[in-house]
N, C-alpha and C. Protein backbone atom coordinates (compact mmCIF):
# COMPACT_ATOMS: atom_id res chain seq x y z
N MET A 1 -3.48 -14.84 -1.46
CA MET A 1 -2.50 -14.05 -1.98
C MET A 1 -1.45 -13.47 -1.57
N ASP A 2 -0.27 -13.84 -2.55
CA ASP A 2 1.04 -13.80 -2.18
C ASP A 2 1.64 -12.59 -2.23
N ASN A 3 0.93 -12.41 -4.26
CA ASN A 3 1.78 -11.30 -4.87
C ASN A 3 0.30 -10.46 -6.06
N PHE A 4 0.13 -9.50 -5.58
CA PHE A 4 -1.21 -8.97 -6.28
C PHE A 4 -1.16 -8.61 -7.81
N PHE A 5 0.59 -8.65 -8.02
CA PHE A 5 0.99 -7.73 -9.91
C PHE A 5 0.32 -9.93 -10.29
N VAL A 6 0.78 -10.62 -9.53
CA VAL A 6 0.98 -12.11 -9.99
C VAL A 6 -0.56 -12.78 -10.39
N ASP A 7 -1.62 -12.26 -9.02
CA ASP A 7 -2.62 -12.53 -9.04
C ASP A 7 -3.41 -11.78 -10.34
N LEU A 8 -2.79 -10.26 -10.61
CA LEU A 8 -3.98 -9.74 -11.16
C LEU A 8 -3.45 -10.19 -13.38
N PHE A 9 -2.52 -10.88 -13.43
CA PHE A 9 -2.48 -10.96 -14.39
C PHE A 9 -2.68 -12.34 -14.36
N ALA A 10 -3.04 -13.31 -13.86
CA ALA A 10 -3.81 -13.93 -13.83
C ALA A 10 -4.40 -15.03 -14.53
N GLY A 11 -5.38 -13.62 -15.16
CA GLY A 11 -5.96 -14.41 -16.09
C GLY A 11 -7.58 -13.79 -15.73
N PHE A 12 -8.03 -12.98 -15.16
CA PHE A 12 -9.07 -12.43 -14.61
C PHE A 12 -9.89 -11.91 -15.27
N ALA A 13 -9.30 -10.95 -16.61
CA ALA A 13 -9.49 -9.75 -17.60
C ALA A 13 -8.78 -9.90 -18.34
N ALA A 14 -9.39 -8.61 -19.52
CA ALA A 14 -8.28 -8.32 -20.37
C ALA A 14 -7.69 -7.39 -20.09
N TRP A 15 -6.49 -7.31 -20.76
CA TRP A 15 -4.80 -6.34 -20.42
C TRP A 15 -6.12 -4.90 -20.40
N TYR A 16 -6.70 -4.76 -21.06
CA TYR A 16 -7.14 -3.73 -22.04
C TYR A 16 -8.26 -3.29 -20.57
N VAL A 17 -9.10 -3.90 -19.75
CA VAL A 17 -9.95 -3.83 -19.28
C VAL A 17 -9.24 -3.54 -17.48
N VAL A 18 -7.86 -3.92 -17.12
CA VAL A 18 -6.77 -3.75 -16.34
C VAL A 18 -6.04 -2.25 -17.05
N GLY A 19 -6.25 -1.96 -17.62
CA GLY A 19 -5.02 -1.06 -18.20
C GLY A 19 -6.21 0.51 -18.33
N LEU A 20 -7.57 0.06 -18.52
CA LEU A 20 -8.46 1.42 -18.50
C LEU A 20 -8.62 1.24 -17.01
N SER A 21 -8.52 0.30 -16.41
CA SER A 21 -9.36 0.85 -15.08
C SER A 21 -7.93 1.55 -14.07
N ALA A 22 -7.21 0.75 -14.58
CA ALA A 22 -5.81 2.00 -13.71
C ALA A 22 -6.04 3.39 -14.60
N ALA A 23 -5.94 3.77 -15.17
CA ALA A 23 -5.77 4.63 -16.30
C ALA A 23 -7.07 5.72 -15.38
N CYS A 24 -8.36 5.39 -14.97
CA CYS A 24 -9.19 5.60 -14.08
C CYS A 24 -8.86 5.74 -13.46
N ALA A 25 -8.77 5.29 -12.41
CA ALA A 25 -7.74 5.64 -10.88
C ALA A 25 -6.75 6.64 -10.93
N TYR A 26 -5.90 6.23 -11.57
CA TYR A 26 -4.62 7.69 -12.03
C TYR A 26 -5.15 9.01 -12.32
N LEU A 27 -7.02 8.71 -13.38
CA LEU A 27 -7.14 10.10 -13.31
C LEU A 27 -8.03 11.00 -12.50
N LEU A 28 -8.84 9.56 -11.81
CA LEU A 28 -9.28 10.11 -10.33
C LEU A 28 -8.11 11.13 -9.47
N GLY A 29 -7.22 10.75 -9.59
CA GLY A 29 -6.41 10.97 -8.25
C GLY A 29 -5.58 12.05 -8.65
N ASN A 30 -5.60 12.71 -9.91
CA ASN A 30 -5.00 13.80 -10.42
C ASN A 30 -6.00 14.87 -9.50
N ILE A 31 -7.53 14.58 -9.57
CA ILE A 31 -8.38 15.85 -8.44
C ILE A 31 -8.21 16.47 -7.65
N ASN A 32 -7.24 17.30 -7.34
CA ASN A 32 -6.78 18.12 -6.59
C ASN A 32 -7.37 19.06 -5.46
N PRO A 33 -7.97 18.91 -4.65
CA PRO A 33 -8.69 20.00 -4.33
C PRO A 33 -7.85 21.40 -3.36
N ALA A 34 -6.82 21.12 -3.14
CA ALA A 34 -6.15 21.97 -2.40
C ALA A 34 -5.57 22.82 -3.17
N ILE A 35 -5.41 22.54 -4.80
CA ILE A 35 -4.58 23.25 -5.64
C ILE A 35 -5.82 23.67 -6.89
N LEU A 36 -7.37 23.22 -6.91
CA LEU A 36 -8.58 23.87 -6.75
C LEU A 36 -9.06 25.16 -5.83
N ILE A 37 -8.81 25.10 -4.63
CA ILE A 37 -9.60 25.48 -3.53
C ILE A 37 -8.76 26.87 -3.86
N GLY A 38 -7.24 26.34 -4.14
CA GLY A 38 -6.38 27.13 -3.68
C GLY A 38 -6.72 28.75 -5.09
N ARG A 39 -6.66 28.06 -6.25
CA ARG A 39 -7.16 29.10 -7.65
C ARG A 39 -8.66 29.83 -7.90
N ALA A 40 -9.28 28.68 -6.84
CA ALA A 40 -10.77 29.36 -6.38
C ALA A 40 -10.44 31.04 -5.68
N LYS A 41 -9.23 30.99 -4.60
CA LYS A 41 -9.48 32.26 -3.92
C LYS A 41 -7.82 32.92 -4.45
N GLY A 42 -7.48 32.85 -6.04
CA GLY A 42 -6.19 33.21 -6.57
C GLY A 42 -5.38 33.31 -6.08
N VAL A 43 -4.89 32.21 -5.18
CA VAL A 43 -3.13 31.29 -4.98
C VAL A 43 -3.19 30.43 -5.40
N ASP A 44 -1.80 30.00 -5.60
CA ASP A 44 -1.15 28.71 -5.71
C ASP A 44 -0.65 28.17 -4.91
N ILE A 45 -1.18 26.71 -4.80
CA ILE A 45 -1.04 26.23 -2.88
C ILE A 45 0.24 25.83 -2.86
N ARG A 46 0.93 25.54 -4.39
CA ARG A 46 2.25 25.36 -4.74
C ARG A 46 3.25 26.11 -4.14
N ALA A 47 2.43 27.04 -3.90
CA ALA A 47 3.76 28.08 -4.18
C ALA A 47 3.68 28.57 -2.72
N GLN A 48 3.29 27.74 -1.74
CA GLN A 48 2.29 28.77 -0.44
C GLN A 48 2.89 27.95 0.31
N GLY A 49 3.35 28.40 1.64
CA GLY A 49 4.37 27.84 3.02
C GLY A 49 4.72 26.63 2.49
N SER A 50 4.46 25.06 2.94
CA SER A 50 5.55 23.40 2.40
C SER A 50 5.36 24.00 0.93
N GLY A 51 4.37 24.44 0.18
CA GLY A 51 4.46 24.26 -1.17
C GLY A 51 3.60 22.67 -1.83
N ASN A 52 3.52 22.57 -0.89
CA ASN A 52 2.87 21.05 -0.94
C ASN A 52 1.01 21.42 -1.02
N ALA A 53 0.23 20.38 -2.09
CA ALA A 53 -1.00 20.54 -2.40
C ALA A 53 -1.91 19.42 -1.57
N GLY A 54 -1.63 19.11 -0.40
CA GLY A 54 -2.03 18.89 0.73
C GLY A 54 -2.80 19.08 1.87
N ALA A 55 -3.52 18.70 2.69
CA ALA A 55 -4.53 19.19 3.37
C ALA A 55 -3.32 20.09 4.66
N THR A 56 -2.69 19.48 4.92
CA THR A 56 -2.06 20.19 5.93
C THR A 56 -1.32 21.88 5.41
N ASN A 57 -1.14 21.67 4.05
CA ASN A 57 -0.75 23.01 3.61
C ASN A 57 -1.66 23.42 3.19
N ALA A 58 -3.32 23.17 2.88
CA ALA A 58 -4.50 23.98 2.79
C ALA A 58 -4.51 24.68 3.95
N LEU A 59 -4.47 23.88 4.74
CA LEU A 59 -4.45 24.43 6.42
C LEU A 59 -4.29 25.57 6.64
N ARG A 60 -3.14 25.33 6.30
CA ARG A 60 -1.75 26.41 6.90
C ARG A 60 -1.68 27.65 5.83
N SER A 61 -2.23 27.48 5.11
CA SER A 61 -2.13 28.76 3.50
C SER A 61 -3.48 29.00 3.47
N LEU A 62 -4.43 28.03 3.13
CA LEU A 62 -5.82 28.58 3.03
C LEU A 62 -7.22 28.80 3.68
N GLY A 63 -6.75 27.94 5.58
CA GLY A 63 -7.49 28.29 6.30
C GLY A 63 -8.02 26.68 6.53
N LYS A 64 -9.12 26.69 8.18
CA LYS A 64 -9.48 25.52 8.72
C LYS A 64 -10.36 24.58 7.59
N LYS A 65 -11.30 25.13 7.22
CA LYS A 65 -11.90 25.14 6.37
C LYS A 65 -11.76 24.39 4.95
N ALA A 66 -10.74 25.02 4.05
CA ALA A 66 -10.16 24.38 3.19
C ALA A 66 -8.82 23.20 3.83
N GLY A 67 -9.20 23.04 4.19
CA GLY A 67 -8.06 21.96 4.95
C GLY A 67 -8.82 21.37 5.06
N ALA A 68 -9.54 21.07 6.33
CA ALA A 68 -10.70 19.98 6.26
C ALA A 68 -11.37 19.07 4.54
N ILE A 69 -12.29 20.07 3.81
CA ILE A 69 -12.49 19.81 2.26
C ILE A 69 -11.59 18.97 1.68
N THR A 70 -9.92 19.39 1.93
CA THR A 70 -8.66 19.20 1.29
C THR A 70 -9.14 17.42 1.27
N PHE A 71 -9.00 17.64 2.99
CA PHE A 71 -8.70 15.86 3.62
C PHE A 71 -9.55 14.94 3.18
N ALA A 72 -10.98 15.38 3.43
CA ALA A 72 -11.83 15.04 2.71
C ALA A 72 -12.17 14.01 1.45
N ILE A 73 -11.95 14.96 0.98
CA ILE A 73 -12.27 14.44 -1.00
C ILE A 73 -11.49 13.72 -1.75
N ASP A 74 -9.51 14.81 -0.80
CA ASP A 74 -8.56 13.07 -0.87
C ASP A 74 -8.98 11.96 -0.82
N VAL A 75 -9.69 11.61 1.43
CA VAL A 75 -9.62 10.38 1.18
C VAL A 75 -10.52 10.04 0.49
N VAL A 76 -11.31 10.34 0.24
CA VAL A 76 -12.93 9.50 -0.45
C VAL A 76 -12.13 9.48 -2.03
N LYS A 77 -11.34 10.09 -2.44
CA LYS A 77 -10.68 9.53 -3.94
C LYS A 77 -9.63 8.31 -3.77
N GLY A 78 -9.31 8.55 -2.08
CA GLY A 78 -8.43 7.35 -2.25
C GLY A 78 -9.15 6.15 -2.14
N TRP A 79 -10.43 6.32 -1.05
CA TRP A 79 -11.19 4.66 -1.35
C TRP A 79 -12.08 3.80 -2.43
N ALA A 80 -12.29 5.62 -3.11
CA ALA A 80 -13.34 5.76 -4.59
C ALA A 80 -12.50 4.43 -5.09
N GLY A 81 -11.26 4.78 -5.60
CA GLY A 81 -10.47 4.64 -6.65
C GLY A 81 -10.11 2.53 -5.67
N PHE A 82 -10.29 2.89 -5.34
CA PHE A 82 -10.27 1.13 -4.71
C PHE A 82 -11.30 0.20 -4.29
N PHE A 83 -12.72 0.92 -3.75
CA PHE A 83 -13.97 0.15 -3.66
C PHE A 83 -14.54 0.13 -5.58
N ILE A 84 -14.64 0.95 -6.26
CA ILE A 84 -15.59 1.52 -7.19
C ILE A 84 -14.50 -0.14 -8.20
N PRO A 85 -13.71 -0.32 -8.27
CA PRO A 85 -12.97 -1.41 -9.23
C PRO A 85 -13.30 -2.91 -8.06
N LEU A 86 -13.44 -2.72 -7.45
CA LEU A 86 -13.39 -4.16 -6.67
C LEU A 86 -15.01 -4.46 -6.22
N ALA A 87 -15.92 -3.38 -6.01
CA ALA A 87 -17.49 -3.72 -6.66
C ALA A 87 -17.73 -4.17 -8.01
N ILE A 88 -17.59 -3.02 -9.16
CA ILE A 88 -17.20 -4.02 -10.03
C ILE A 88 -17.02 -5.77 -10.90
N PHE A 89 -15.47 -5.72 -10.62
CA PHE A 89 -15.02 -6.60 -10.77
C PHE A 89 -14.45 -7.42 -9.80
N GLY A 90 -14.87 -7.14 -8.38
CA GLY A 90 -14.94 -8.21 -7.56
C GLY A 90 -13.56 -8.87 -7.60
N ASN A 91 -12.62 -8.42 -7.96
CA ASN A 91 -11.31 -8.72 -7.79
C ASN A 91 -10.04 -7.73 -6.74
N ASP A 92 -9.80 -8.30 -5.84
CA ASP A 92 -8.90 -7.35 -4.69
C ASP A 92 -7.69 -7.32 -5.32
N ALA A 93 -7.47 -8.20 -6.40
CA ALA A 93 -5.38 -7.74 -6.85
C ALA A 93 -6.05 -6.02 -7.57
N LEU A 94 -7.11 -6.65 -9.28
CA LEU A 94 -7.11 -4.98 -9.39
C LEU A 94 -7.43 -3.86 -8.94
N ALA A 95 -8.57 -4.06 -6.99
CA ALA A 95 -8.30 -2.68 -6.39
C ALA A 95 -7.30 -2.54 -6.21
N MET A 96 -6.51 -3.63 -5.63
CA MET A 96 -5.06 -2.65 -4.66
C MET A 96 -4.21 -2.12 -6.09
N LEU A 97 -4.42 -2.38 -7.42
CA LEU A 97 -3.45 -2.14 -8.15
C LEU A 97 -3.98 -0.70 -8.33
N CYS A 98 -5.96 -0.26 -8.52
CA CYS A 98 -6.77 0.76 -8.48
C CYS A 98 -6.36 1.81 -7.55
N GLY A 99 -6.29 1.15 -6.28
CA GLY A 99 -5.81 2.09 -5.31
C GLY A 99 -4.45 2.87 -5.22
N LEU A 100 -3.68 1.69 -5.85
CA LEU A 100 -2.09 2.05 -5.99
C LEU A 100 -2.25 3.36 -7.40
N CYS A 101 -3.01 3.01 -8.04
CA CYS A 101 -3.10 4.08 -9.24
C CYS A 101 -3.26 5.48 -8.53
N VAL A 102 -5.18 5.37 -7.81
CA VAL A 102 -5.13 6.83 -7.32
C VAL A 102 -3.82 7.31 -6.47
N VAL A 103 -3.26 6.61 -5.76
CA VAL A 103 -2.30 7.59 -5.10
C VAL A 103 -1.64 8.33 -5.75
N LEU A 104 -0.98 7.41 -6.69
CA LEU A 104 0.18 7.75 -7.94
C LEU A 104 -0.95 8.95 -8.30
N GLY A 105 -1.59 9.27 -8.91
CA GLY A 105 -2.73 10.72 -9.47
C GLY A 105 -2.29 11.40 -8.50
N HIS A 106 -2.75 11.78 -7.60
CA HIS A 106 -3.00 12.42 -6.30
C HIS A 106 -1.54 13.10 -5.84
N MET A 107 -0.21 12.13 -5.90
CA MET A 107 1.33 12.63 -6.19
C MET A 107 1.78 13.14 -6.90
N TYR A 108 1.75 12.59 -8.89
CA TYR A 108 1.93 13.12 -9.69
C TYR A 108 0.76 13.33 -10.61
N PRO A 109 0.60 13.95 -10.78
CA PRO A 109 -1.25 14.46 -11.90
C PRO A 109 -0.89 15.52 -12.65
N ALA A 110 -1.04 14.30 -13.85
CA ALA A 110 -0.57 14.77 -15.21
C ALA A 110 -1.07 16.26 -15.32
N VAL A 111 -2.50 16.68 -14.93
CA VAL A 111 -2.92 18.11 -15.55
C VAL A 111 -2.36 18.69 -14.57
N PHE A 112 -1.74 18.47 -13.57
CA PHE A 112 -1.13 19.55 -13.04
C PHE A 112 0.48 19.52 -12.49
N GLY A 113 1.07 19.19 -14.04
CA GLY A 113 2.33 19.51 -14.20
C GLY A 113 2.98 18.08 -12.72
N PHE A 114 2.15 17.17 -12.80
CA PHE A 114 3.17 16.21 -11.98
C PHE A 114 3.00 16.16 -10.48
N LYS A 115 2.98 17.89 -10.15
CA LYS A 115 3.34 18.19 -8.77
C LYS A 115 1.78 18.38 -8.31
N GLY A 116 1.67 17.62 -7.22
CA GLY A 116 0.60 17.07 -5.94
C GLY A 116 1.20 17.20 -4.83
N GLY A 117 0.56 16.08 -4.32
CA GLY A 117 0.09 16.49 -2.59
C GLY A 117 1.46 15.09 -2.25
N LYS A 118 1.16 14.76 -1.13
CA LYS A 118 2.42 13.45 -0.85
C LYS A 118 1.40 12.41 -0.27
N GLY A 119 0.10 12.50 -0.60
CA GLY A 119 -0.52 11.03 -0.85
C GLY A 119 -1.01 11.08 0.48
N VAL A 120 -1.11 11.58 1.84
CA VAL A 120 -0.97 10.01 3.38
C VAL A 120 -3.00 10.59 3.30
N ALA A 121 -3.24 11.67 2.98
CA ALA A 121 -5.21 11.59 2.85
C ALA A 121 -5.29 10.58 1.85
N THR A 122 -4.92 10.54 0.60
CA THR A 122 -5.27 9.56 -0.39
C THR A 122 -4.53 8.20 -0.04
N ALA A 123 -3.81 7.85 0.56
CA ALA A 123 -3.70 6.50 0.85
C ALA A 123 -4.41 5.94 1.34
N PHE A 124 -4.54 6.73 3.11
CA PHE A 124 -5.44 6.56 3.72
C PHE A 124 -6.87 6.15 3.21
N GLY A 125 -7.12 7.04 2.44
CA GLY A 125 -8.65 6.42 1.86
C GLY A 125 -8.46 5.04 1.62
N ALA A 126 -7.82 4.83 0.67
CA ALA A 126 -7.18 3.59 -0.28
C ALA A 126 -7.82 2.19 1.07
N ILE A 127 -6.32 2.26 1.76
CA ILE A 127 -6.58 1.41 3.20
C ILE A 127 -7.78 1.48 3.25
N LEU A 128 -8.17 2.52 3.91
CA LEU A 128 -9.37 2.06 4.22
C LEU A 128 -10.74 1.61 3.65
N ALA A 129 -10.60 1.97 2.03
CA ALA A 129 -11.42 0.72 1.99
C ALA A 129 -10.57 -0.86 2.00
N ALA A 130 -9.46 -0.77 1.98
CA ALA A 130 -9.27 -2.35 1.81
C ALA A 130 -9.20 -3.19 3.66
N SER A 131 -9.36 -2.23 4.33
CA SER A 131 -9.59 -2.99 5.41
C SER A 131 -9.35 -1.96 7.24
N TRP A 132 -11.12 -1.12 6.90
CA TRP A 132 -10.95 -0.53 7.57
C TRP A 132 -10.49 -0.24 9.43
N PRO A 133 -10.50 -1.42 9.72
CA PRO A 133 -9.97 -1.66 11.64
C PRO A 133 -8.38 -0.95 11.32
N TYR A 134 -7.32 -1.56 10.53
CA TYR A 134 -6.32 -0.84 10.10
C TYR A 134 -6.70 0.72 9.21
N ALA A 135 -6.85 1.29 9.19
CA ALA A 135 -6.88 2.15 8.86
C ALA A 135 -6.83 3.29 10.01
N LEU A 136 -8.53 2.69 10.53
CA LEU A 136 -8.50 3.46 11.86
C LEU A 136 -6.97 3.12 13.13
N ILE A 137 -6.99 2.21 13.15
CA ILE A 137 -6.16 2.53 13.90
C ILE A 137 -4.63 3.49 13.80
N LEU A 138 -4.13 3.39 11.62
CA LEU A 138 -3.01 4.32 11.48
C LEU A 138 -3.71 5.83 12.15
N LEU A 139 -4.98 6.27 12.02
CA LEU A 139 -5.80 7.24 11.33
C LEU A 139 -5.48 7.95 13.44
N ALA A 140 -5.50 6.95 14.61
CA ALA A 140 -5.80 7.30 15.67
C ALA A 140 -4.31 7.41 16.29
N ILE A 141 -3.58 6.94 15.65
CA ILE A 141 -1.73 7.21 15.99
C ILE A 141 -1.22 8.25 14.87
N VAL A 142 -2.13 8.82 14.39
CA VAL A 142 -1.50 10.18 13.55
C VAL A 142 -2.65 11.11 14.52
N VAL A 143 -3.46 10.91 14.45
CA VAL A 143 -4.37 12.13 15.37
C VAL A 143 -3.43 12.36 16.81
N VAL A 144 -3.49 11.42 17.24
CA VAL A 144 -2.85 11.11 19.16
C VAL A 144 -1.05 12.38 18.86
N PHE A 145 -0.40 11.26 18.23
CA PHE A 145 1.37 11.85 17.85
C PHE A 145 0.88 13.52 17.50
N THR A 146 -0.02 13.50 16.50
CA THR A 146 0.00 15.32 16.45
C THR A 146 -0.58 16.49 17.26
N ALA A 147 -0.81 15.35 18.21
CA ALA A 147 -1.86 16.36 19.46
C ALA A 147 -0.26 16.53 20.38
N ILE A 148 0.62 15.36 20.79
CA ILE A 148 1.71 15.47 21.38
C ILE A 148 2.61 16.20 20.66
N PHE A 149 3.52 16.02 19.55
CA PHE A 149 4.60 16.73 18.93
C PHE A 149 3.93 17.75 17.73
N ARG A 150 2.63 18.09 17.53
CA ARG A 150 2.11 18.68 16.61
C ARG A 150 3.08 19.27 15.25
N ARG A 151 3.91 17.77 14.55
CA ARG A 151 4.32 18.04 13.32
C ARG A 151 3.42 16.37 12.83
N VAL A 152 2.56 17.13 12.15
CA VAL A 152 1.98 15.75 11.21
C VAL A 152 3.28 14.63 10.65
N SER A 153 4.33 15.37 10.25
CA SER A 153 5.48 14.77 9.41
C SER A 153 5.90 13.10 10.11
N LEU A 154 5.94 13.82 11.26
CA LEU A 154 6.45 13.02 12.31
C LEU A 154 5.40 12.48 12.92
N SER A 155 4.42 12.63 12.76
CA SER A 155 3.11 11.60 13.32
C SER A 155 3.03 10.36 12.06
N VAL A 156 2.64 11.30 10.87
CA VAL A 156 2.67 10.04 9.85
C VAL A 156 4.42 8.86 9.47
N MET A 157 5.31 9.77 10.04
CA MET A 157 6.13 8.64 9.69
C MET A 157 6.34 7.34 10.76
N ILE A 158 5.57 7.79 12.09
CA ILE A 158 5.11 7.05 13.44
C ILE A 158 4.17 5.51 12.82
N ALA A 159 2.79 6.74 12.03
CA ALA A 159 2.15 5.77 11.58
C ALA A 159 3.06 4.74 10.72
N VAL A 160 3.39 5.18 9.65
CA VAL A 160 4.05 4.66 8.94
C VAL A 160 4.81 2.93 9.23
N ALA A 161 6.02 3.21 10.05
CA ALA A 161 6.74 2.33 10.84
C ALA A 161 5.50 1.62 11.61
N ALA A 162 4.32 1.92 12.11
CA ALA A 162 3.34 0.85 13.10
C ALA A 162 2.78 -0.03 11.67
N ALA A 163 2.13 0.55 10.65
CA ALA A 163 1.66 0.37 9.35
C ALA A 163 2.54 -1.18 9.35
N ILE A 164 3.83 -1.43 8.71
CA ILE A 164 4.60 -2.03 8.40
C ILE A 164 4.84 -2.92 9.83
N VAL A 165 5.11 -2.87 10.83
CA VAL A 165 4.43 -3.84 12.07
C VAL A 165 3.33 -4.41 12.20
N LEU A 166 2.08 -4.07 11.68
CA LEU A 166 1.41 -4.20 11.91
C LEU A 166 0.55 -5.41 9.81
N ALA A 167 0.97 -5.04 9.59
CA ALA A 167 1.67 -5.63 8.49
C ALA A 167 1.93 -6.75 8.55
N PHE A 168 2.89 -7.14 9.10
CA PHE A 168 3.63 -8.37 8.76
C PHE A 168 4.19 -8.93 10.54
N ALA A 169 2.75 -8.33 11.69
CA ALA A 169 3.11 -9.48 12.91
C ALA A 169 1.95 -10.12 12.70
N PRO A 170 2.60 -11.09 13.69
CA PRO A 170 1.29 -12.83 13.36
C PRO A 170 -0.24 -11.97 13.48
N PHE A 171 0.46 -10.84 14.67
CA PHE A 171 -1.25 -10.79 15.29
C PHE A 171 -1.97 -9.41 14.57
N GLY A 172 -0.95 -9.17 14.09
CA GLY A 172 -1.58 -7.90 13.15
C GLY A 172 -2.50 -8.29 11.79
N ILE A 173 -2.27 -9.02 11.77
CA ILE A 173 -3.15 -10.00 10.40
C ILE A 173 -4.85 -10.11 11.13
N VAL A 174 -5.26 -10.08 12.08
CA VAL A 174 -6.53 -9.54 13.12
C VAL A 174 -6.96 -8.60 12.11
N VAL A 175 -6.42 -7.68 12.48
CA VAL A 175 -6.69 -5.95 11.52
C VAL A 175 -6.88 -5.63 10.51
N THR A 176 -5.58 -6.29 10.35
CA THR A 176 -5.30 -5.62 8.85
C THR A 176 -5.70 -5.94 8.20
N ASP A 177 -5.72 -7.57 7.81
CA ASP A 177 -6.73 -8.14 6.17
C ASP A 177 -5.80 -7.41 4.58
N VAL A 178 -4.70 -6.71 4.67
CA VAL A 178 -4.58 -6.46 3.94
C VAL A 178 -2.67 -7.20 3.16
N GLN A 179 -2.60 -7.11 1.61
CA GLN A 179 -1.33 -7.63 1.36
C GLN A 179 -0.15 -7.02 1.70
N PRO A 180 0.50 -7.35 2.32
CA PRO A 180 1.69 -6.63 3.07
C PRO A 180 2.79 -6.08 2.01
N LEU A 181 3.02 -6.80 0.57
CA LEU A 181 3.42 -6.28 -0.18
C LEU A 181 2.72 -4.80 -0.87
N TRP A 182 1.37 -4.65 -1.38
CA TRP A 182 0.46 -3.30 -1.33
C TRP A 182 0.82 -2.24 -0.11
N VAL A 183 1.16 -2.71 0.51
CA VAL A 183 0.97 -1.85 1.74
C VAL A 183 2.04 -0.80 1.39
N ILE A 184 3.45 -1.74 1.65
CA ILE A 184 4.84 -1.72 1.50
C ILE A 184 5.33 -0.70 0.50
N ILE A 185 4.67 -0.48 -0.95
CA ILE A 185 4.52 -0.10 -1.86
C ILE A 185 3.80 1.71 -2.00
N ILE A 186 2.57 1.58 -1.20
CA ILE A 186 2.06 2.71 -0.26
C ILE A 186 3.07 3.34 0.27
N LEU A 187 3.68 3.03 1.20
CA LEU A 187 4.06 3.03 2.34
C LEU A 187 5.20 3.85 2.07
N ALA A 188 6.26 3.24 1.26
CA ALA A 188 7.47 3.57 0.43
C ALA A 188 7.38 4.92 0.03
N LEU A 189 5.97 5.16 -1.27
CA LEU A 189 5.43 6.24 -1.85
C LEU A 189 5.38 6.76 -1.25
N VAL A 190 5.06 7.22 0.47
CA VAL A 190 4.84 7.94 1.41
C VAL A 190 6.22 8.64 1.42
N VAL A 191 6.85 7.67 2.13
CA VAL A 191 8.01 8.14 2.86
C VAL A 191 8.55 8.23 1.39
N TRP A 192 8.83 8.65 0.76
CA TRP A 192 9.64 9.00 -0.52
C TRP A 192 9.48 10.61 -0.43
N LYS A 193 7.78 10.86 -0.51
CA LYS A 193 7.02 12.33 -0.98
C LYS A 193 7.71 13.24 0.83
N HIS A 194 8.01 12.49 1.50
CA HIS A 194 8.46 13.20 2.84
C HIS A 194 9.33 13.07 3.41
N ARG A 195 10.34 13.05 2.19
CA ARG A 195 12.13 13.02 1.94
C ARG A 195 12.18 14.22 2.67
N SER A 196 12.04 15.91 2.22
CA SER A 196 12.26 16.71 2.76
C SER A 196 11.69 17.11 3.90
N ASN A 197 10.75 16.50 4.46
CA ASN A 197 10.09 16.69 5.77
C ASN A 197 11.04 15.92 6.77
N ILE A 198 11.11 14.89 6.45
CA ILE A 198 12.59 13.68 7.08
C ILE A 198 13.75 14.77 7.25
N GLY A 199 14.25 15.13 6.47
CA GLY A 199 15.50 16.42 6.52
C GLY A 199 15.39 17.17 6.94
N ARG A 200 14.18 17.92 6.95
CA ARG A 200 13.98 19.36 8.47
C ARG A 200 13.42 18.99 9.96
N LEU A 201 13.19 17.46 9.96
CA LEU A 201 12.72 16.70 10.96
C LEU A 201 13.89 16.85 11.53
N LEU A 202 15.21 15.82 10.69
CA LEU A 202 16.40 15.45 11.79
C LEU A 202 17.63 16.54 12.16
N LYS A 203 17.19 17.67 11.38
CA LYS A 203 17.66 19.39 11.14
C LYS A 203 17.17 20.14 12.63
N GLY A 204 15.89 19.94 12.95
CA GLY A 204 14.29 20.46 14.20
C GLY A 204 14.33 21.05 13.50
N GLU A 205 14.15 21.28 12.05
CA GLU A 205 13.30 22.79 11.24
C GLU A 205 11.94 22.63 11.20
N GLU A 206 11.74 21.31 11.20
CA GLU A 206 9.94 21.29 11.23
C GLU A 206 8.95 22.52 11.69
N PRO A 207 8.37 22.26 11.21
CA PRO A 207 7.11 23.50 11.56
C PRO A 207 6.21 22.73 12.39
N LYS A 208 5.96 22.75 12.97
CA LYS A 208 5.24 22.88 14.42
C LYS A 208 3.02 23.17 13.52
N LEU A 209 2.52 23.00 13.78
CA LEU A 209 1.19 22.97 14.03
C LEU A 209 0.36 23.44 14.99
N SER A 210 -0.17 24.98 14.66
CA SER A 210 -0.70 25.67 15.45
C SER A 210 -2.01 25.23 14.84
N PHE A 211 -3.14 24.88 16.44
CA PHE A 211 -4.44 23.92 16.66
C PHE A 211 -5.12 25.24 17.22
N GLY A 212 -4.76 26.42 17.48
CA GLY A 212 -5.87 28.08 17.76
C GLY A 212 -5.11 29.25 16.97
N GLY A 213 -6.09 29.84 17.02
CA GLY A 213 -6.22 31.52 16.18
C GLY A 213 -5.92 30.93 14.78
N GLY A 214 -5.17 31.28 14.00
CA GLY A 214 -4.78 31.72 12.40
C GLY A 214 -5.50 31.66 11.88
N LYS A 215 -5.93 31.46 10.46
CA LYS A 215 -7.27 31.44 9.65
C LYS A 215 -8.35 30.10 9.77
C-alpha cells in the first residue's frame, strides 16, 4: 500500500461508512482525562503549568496518579481508535484514517474549544495498534532520553527523528510494518504541537521533569 488515502477510497466501503468511522474516532479523541481530572479537582489544567492538556502537565500540576491515569487513557483511546475499525472492517487504510482522527480529536477537541493536548500518548497508542514493536522501540527511546535529560519534549523529538529513520530505512521495515506516509502525518502533527517547546529548548528554557518528591 503506497498511499492509504488512495486505498481508502478505492471502493472498499461507502463514503458514509468512512465518514462515520472517522467522526467516531475523532469524538473518541475528544475524551481528555487531563481536563476531566482537573475539573474534578476544581482546576483547569489548561491554565496550569505549561497549559497543555496531556500527561506531562497532569503529572506536574495534578500529581503522579493523575499523570499516570491520563497517560494510560490517552494511550488506550489511541489504540482503540486504530484497532476497533480494523477489527470491524478489516481494512488497514480505514484503521489508519481513524488512528489519525483520534489523534486530531485529542489535539483539537471540539467539546473543549479545540484546545487539547499535544498528542504524544494518543499517537503512541495508535502506532502501538499498528505495530507494537515499532511503538515499543519509540517508547524505550523516550524513556531513556527522559531519564538522561529530564526533558520530555526533547525525548519526544529524538523519538520522532528515530521514527522517521525506522519508517524509511530498509532494515526498519522489519520492525515497523507501517506505512511511512501515515507515520509522517502523525509525526508532523506532534512536532507542530511542540513548536513552543522546541523554541524553549533552543533557548535553554524548557523546564526539567522532576522524578522525586512533589505531588
